[in-house]
Amino acid sequence: MNIEELRVGFAFCGSFCTMSRALDALEQTAARFGQVTPIVSEMVADTDTRFGNAHDFMREMERICDRRVIRTAAGAEPIGPKGLLDVLVICPCTGNTLAKLAHGITDSSVTMAAKAHLRNGRPLVIAVSTNDGLAGSAPNLGTLLNRKNVYFVPFGQDDCQGKPASLAADFSLVPEAVEAACRGEQLQPLLLAAKPAG
């Protein structure tokens, strides 16, 4: 398939402090690929924070993609049986969602989208963003690194002194990671150099 014709799902989880960077990644992804469908977790759909208003975030996603946001598990379920996506991105992917994916828990729009999509043997690309990536979430990260059809956007410690267990993907690499995953490859290097505090 021509790369410009890829049908990409782009799912957002509740790492609210990274939402503006995730929107930038969505914009880059939509510019490179033919069709991008935005998906949000219920937390993103329903929660206003100091980082922005939920409605405004979703309106911007719809503007970028020219498609309605999928915001419920019922809305995400047809992704599997109808084969709606060629590749699914979760950006940002929180530690909570990592845990659910690692243990087969399907209780949100994003985890339903992932389960439905993976049943078709198609690539899932994860852009991790979690403060406990090298602590409580580390076993789940390890499980998913070894899971078939699961790929990662390269990541590293985003503040190795202030938050030594925190991991964040380089969201600017999402389009490259998508292309690599569609070839059955993990974009390398997977581990990025740690960023100093400040």
Protein backbone atom coordinates (compact mmCIF):
# COMPACT_ATOMS: atom_id res chain seq x y z
CA MET A 1 0.00 0.00 0.00
CA ASN A 2 1.14 3.54 -0.79
CA ILE A 3 2.24 5.25 2.43
CA GLU A 4 0.07 8.26 1.63
CA GLU A 5 -2.99 5.99 1.59
CA LEU A 6 -2.46 4.51 5.06
CA ARG A 7 -5.48 4.63 7.35
CA VAL A 8 -4.07 5.73 10.69
CA GLY A 9 -5.84 5.80 14.05
CA PHE A 10 -4.38 8.31 16.50
CA ALA A 11 -5.44 7.77 20.11
CA PHE A 12 -4.90 10.18 23.01
CA CYS A 13 -4.72 9.15 26.68
CA GLY A 14 -4.73 11.42 29.72
CA SER A 15 -1.15 12.62 29.95
CA PHE A 16 -2.49 16.16 29.90
CA CYS A 17 0.86 17.93 30.25
CA THR A 18 1.92 16.47 26.88
CA MET A 19 -1.32 17.13 25.01
CA SER A 20 -0.06 20.12 23.01
CA ARG A 21 2.98 18.11 21.84
CA ALA A 22 0.68 15.21 20.97
CA LEU A 23 -1.46 17.57 18.88
CA ASP A 24 1.71 18.63 17.03
CA ALA A 25 2.43 14.93 16.37
CA LEU A 26 -1.13 14.48 15.13
CA GLU A 27 -0.65 17.39 12.73
CA GLN A 28 2.60 15.87 11.39
CA THR A 29 0.92 12.49 11.03
CA ALA A 30 -2.10 13.92 9.22
CA ALA A 31 0.22 15.80 6.84
CA ARG A 32 2.10 12.61 5.91
CA PHE A 33 -0.64 9.98 5.67
CA GLY A 34 -3.90 9.84 3.77
CA GLN A 35 -6.53 9.33 6.45
CA VAL A 36 -6.17 9.88 10.21
CA THR A 37 -8.95 9.12 12.68
CA PRO A 38 -8.69 10.74 16.14
CA ILE A 39 -9.61 8.65 19.19
CA VAL A 40 -9.68 9.85 22.80
CA SER A 41 -10.00 8.11 26.13
CA GLU A 42 -13.01 8.99 28.25
CA MET A 43 -10.63 10.82 30.57
CA VAL A 44 -9.49 13.09 27.74
CA ALA A 45 -13.05 13.57 26.48
CA ASP A 46 -14.45 14.58 29.87
CA THR A 47 -11.67 16.36 31.76
CA ASP A 48 -10.76 20.04 31.67
CA THR A 49 -7.35 20.73 33.21
CA ARG A 50 -4.91 23.60 33.65
CA PHE A 51 -3.43 22.47 30.32
CA GLY A 52 -6.65 23.09 28.41
CA ASN A 53 -10.33 22.45 27.87
CA ALA A 54 -11.40 18.97 26.72
CA HIS A 55 -13.85 20.32 24.15
CA ASP A 56 -11.18 22.58 22.65
CA PHE A 57 -8.71 19.70 22.36
CA MET A 58 -11.25 17.53 20.55
CA ARG A 59 -12.33 20.35 18.26
CA GLU A 60 -8.67 20.84 17.27
CA MET A 61 -8.27 17.10 16.61
CA GLU A 62 -11.30 17.18 14.35
CA ARG A 63 -9.98 20.26 12.53
CA ILE A 64 -6.62 18.57 11.87
CA CYS A 65 -8.11 15.25 10.73
CA ASP A 66 -11.37 16.46 9.19
CA ARG A 67 -13.04 13.56 11.00
CA ARG A 68 -15.13 13.15 14.12
CA VAL A 69 -13.37 12.01 17.28
CA ILE A 70 -14.12 8.49 18.50
CA ARG A 71 -14.72 8.90 22.22
CA THR A 72 -16.48 5.72 23.42
CA ALA A 73 -15.69 2.01 23.53
CA ALA A 74 -18.81 1.37 21.45
CA GLY A 75 -17.50 3.78 18.82
CA ALA A 76 -14.08 2.09 18.79
CA GLU A 77 -15.30 -1.53 18.62
CA PRO A 78 -16.01 -1.58 14.83
CA ILE A 79 -12.31 -0.87 14.15
CA GLY A 80 -11.69 -4.62 14.38
CA PRO A 81 -14.53 -6.32 12.52
CA LYS A 82 -14.66 -3.65 9.80
CA GLY A 83 -10.84 -3.47 9.45
CA LEU A 84 -10.98 0.33 9.60
CA LEU A 85 -7.28 1.02 10.31
CA ASP A 86 -3.95 -0.06 8.86
CA VAL A 87 -2.02 1.19 11.91
CA LEU A 88 -3.01 2.57 15.32
CA VAL A 89 -0.94 5.06 17.32
CA ILE A 90 -1.43 5.75 21.03
CA CYS A 91 0.15 9.13 21.76
CA PRO A 92 0.44 9.89 24.59
CA CYS A 93 0.18 6.45 26.18
CA THR A 94 0.01 6.67 29.97
CA GLY A 95 1.26 4.12 32.47
CA ASN A 96 -2.37 3.27 33.19
CA THR A 97 -3.00 2.39 29.54
CA LEU A 98 0.31 0.48 29.34
CA ALA A 99 -0.89 -1.68 32.23
CA LYS A 100 -4.25 -2.34 30.61
CA LEU A 101 -2.68 -3.26 27.28
CA ALA A 102 -0.16 -5.55 28.95
CA HIS A 103 -2.89 -7.39 30.87
CA GLY A 104 -5.63 -7.50 28.24
CA ILE A 105 -7.97 -5.09 30.02
CA THR A 106 -10.47 -3.45 27.67
CA ASP A 107 -12.43 -0.84 29.60
CA SER A 108 -11.96 2.36 27.62
CA SER A 109 -12.29 3.68 24.09
CA VAL A 110 -8.50 3.54 23.59
CA THR A 111 -7.99 0.00 24.92
CA MET A 112 -11.01 -1.16 22.91
CA ALA A 113 -9.52 0.44 19.79
CA ALA A 114 -6.21 -1.34 20.46
CA LYS A 115 -7.81 -4.72 21.10
CA ALA A 116 -10.07 -4.43 18.06
CA HIS A 117 -7.17 -3.35 15.85
CA LEU A 118 -4.68 -5.98 17.07
CA ARG A 119 -7.11 -8.80 16.35
CA ASN A 120 -6.46 -8.07 12.68
CA GLY A 121 -2.69 -8.59 13.11
CA ARG A 122 -1.93 -4.96 12.29
CA PRO A 123 0.66 -2.71 13.97
CA LEU A 124 0.10 -0.77 17.17
CA VAL A 125 2.54 2.09 17.80
CA ILE A 126 2.94 3.34 21.38
CA ALA A 127 4.34 6.75 22.35
CA VAL A 128 4.84 6.33 26.07
CA SER A 129 4.49 9.18 28.56
CA THR A 130 4.56 8.12 32.19
CA ASN A 131 6.23 9.26 35.39
CA ASP A 132 6.76 5.66 36.55
CA GLY A 133 8.12 4.09 33.37
CA LEU A 134 11.22 2.85 35.21
CA ALA A 135 9.27 1.96 38.35
CA GLY A 136 5.71 0.57 38.59
CA SER A 137 5.13 0.63 34.83
CA ALA A 138 8.44 -1.04 33.94
CA PRO A 139 7.08 -4.63 33.93
CA ASN A 140 4.21 -3.60 31.64
CA LEU A 141 6.62 -1.81 29.32
CA GLY A 142 8.76 -4.95 29.17
CA THR A 143 5.73 -7.11 28.40
CA LEU A 144 4.66 -4.88 25.52
CA LEU A 145 8.19 -4.63 24.11
CA ASN A 146 7.96 -8.40 23.62
CA ARG A 147 4.42 -8.40 22.19
CA LYS A 148 3.79 -9.23 18.54
CA ASN A 149 2.67 -6.31 16.35
CA VAL A 150 3.45 -3.75 19.08
CA TYR A 151 6.04 -1.07 18.31
CA PHE A 152 7.30 1.95 20.22
CA VAL A 153 8.11 5.51 19.35
CA PRO A 154 11.70 5.93 20.65
CA PHE A 155 11.72 7.10 24.26
CA GLY A 156 14.03 8.16 27.07
CA GLN A 157 14.16 9.74 30.50
CA ASP A 158 12.64 13.19 30.13
CA ASP A 159 14.02 14.54 33.44
CA CYS A 160 16.59 12.09 34.79
CA GLN A 161 17.36 14.18 37.89
CA GLY A 162 13.98 15.60 38.83
CA LYS A 163 11.92 12.53 37.84
CA PRO A 164 14.37 9.62 37.49
CA ALA A 165 11.67 7.00 36.81
CA SER A 166 9.87 9.07 34.17
CA LEU A 167 9.87 8.10 30.49
CA ALA A 168 8.64 10.07 27.49
CA ALA A 169 8.66 9.32 23.78
CA ASP A 170 9.95 11.81 21.26
CA PHE A 171 6.59 12.65 19.69
CA SER A 172 8.28 14.22 16.65
CA LEU A 173 9.26 10.66 15.64
CA VAL A 174 5.67 9.38 15.44
CA PRO A 175 5.42 9.49 11.61
CA GLU A 176 8.76 7.68 11.22
CA ALA A 177 7.74 5.07 13.80
CA VAL A 178 4.48 4.51 11.94
CA GLU A 179 6.28 3.92 8.65
CA ALA A 180 8.75 1.52 10.29
CA ALA A 181 5.95 -0.39 12.03
CA CYS A 182 4.11 -0.80 8.74
CA ARG A 183 7.27 -2.47 7.41
CA GLY A 184 7.32 -4.74 10.47
CA GLU A 185 10.30 -2.90 11.97
CA GLN A 186 10.97 -1.15 15.27
CA LEU A 187 12.32 2.35 14.67
CA GLN A 188 15.87 2.54 16.04
CA PRO A 189 17.48 3.58 18.26
CA LEU A 190 14.65 2.74 20.63
CA LEU A 191 16.31 4.28 23.68
CA LEU A 192 17.13 7.98 23.51
CA ALA A 193 19.71 9.84 25.57
CA ALA A 194 18.35 11.14 28.87
CA LYS A 195 17.50 14.83 29.01
CA PRO A 196 18.98 16.81 31.89
CA ALA A 197 16.71 18.76 34.24
CA GLY A 198 15.65 22.21 33.08
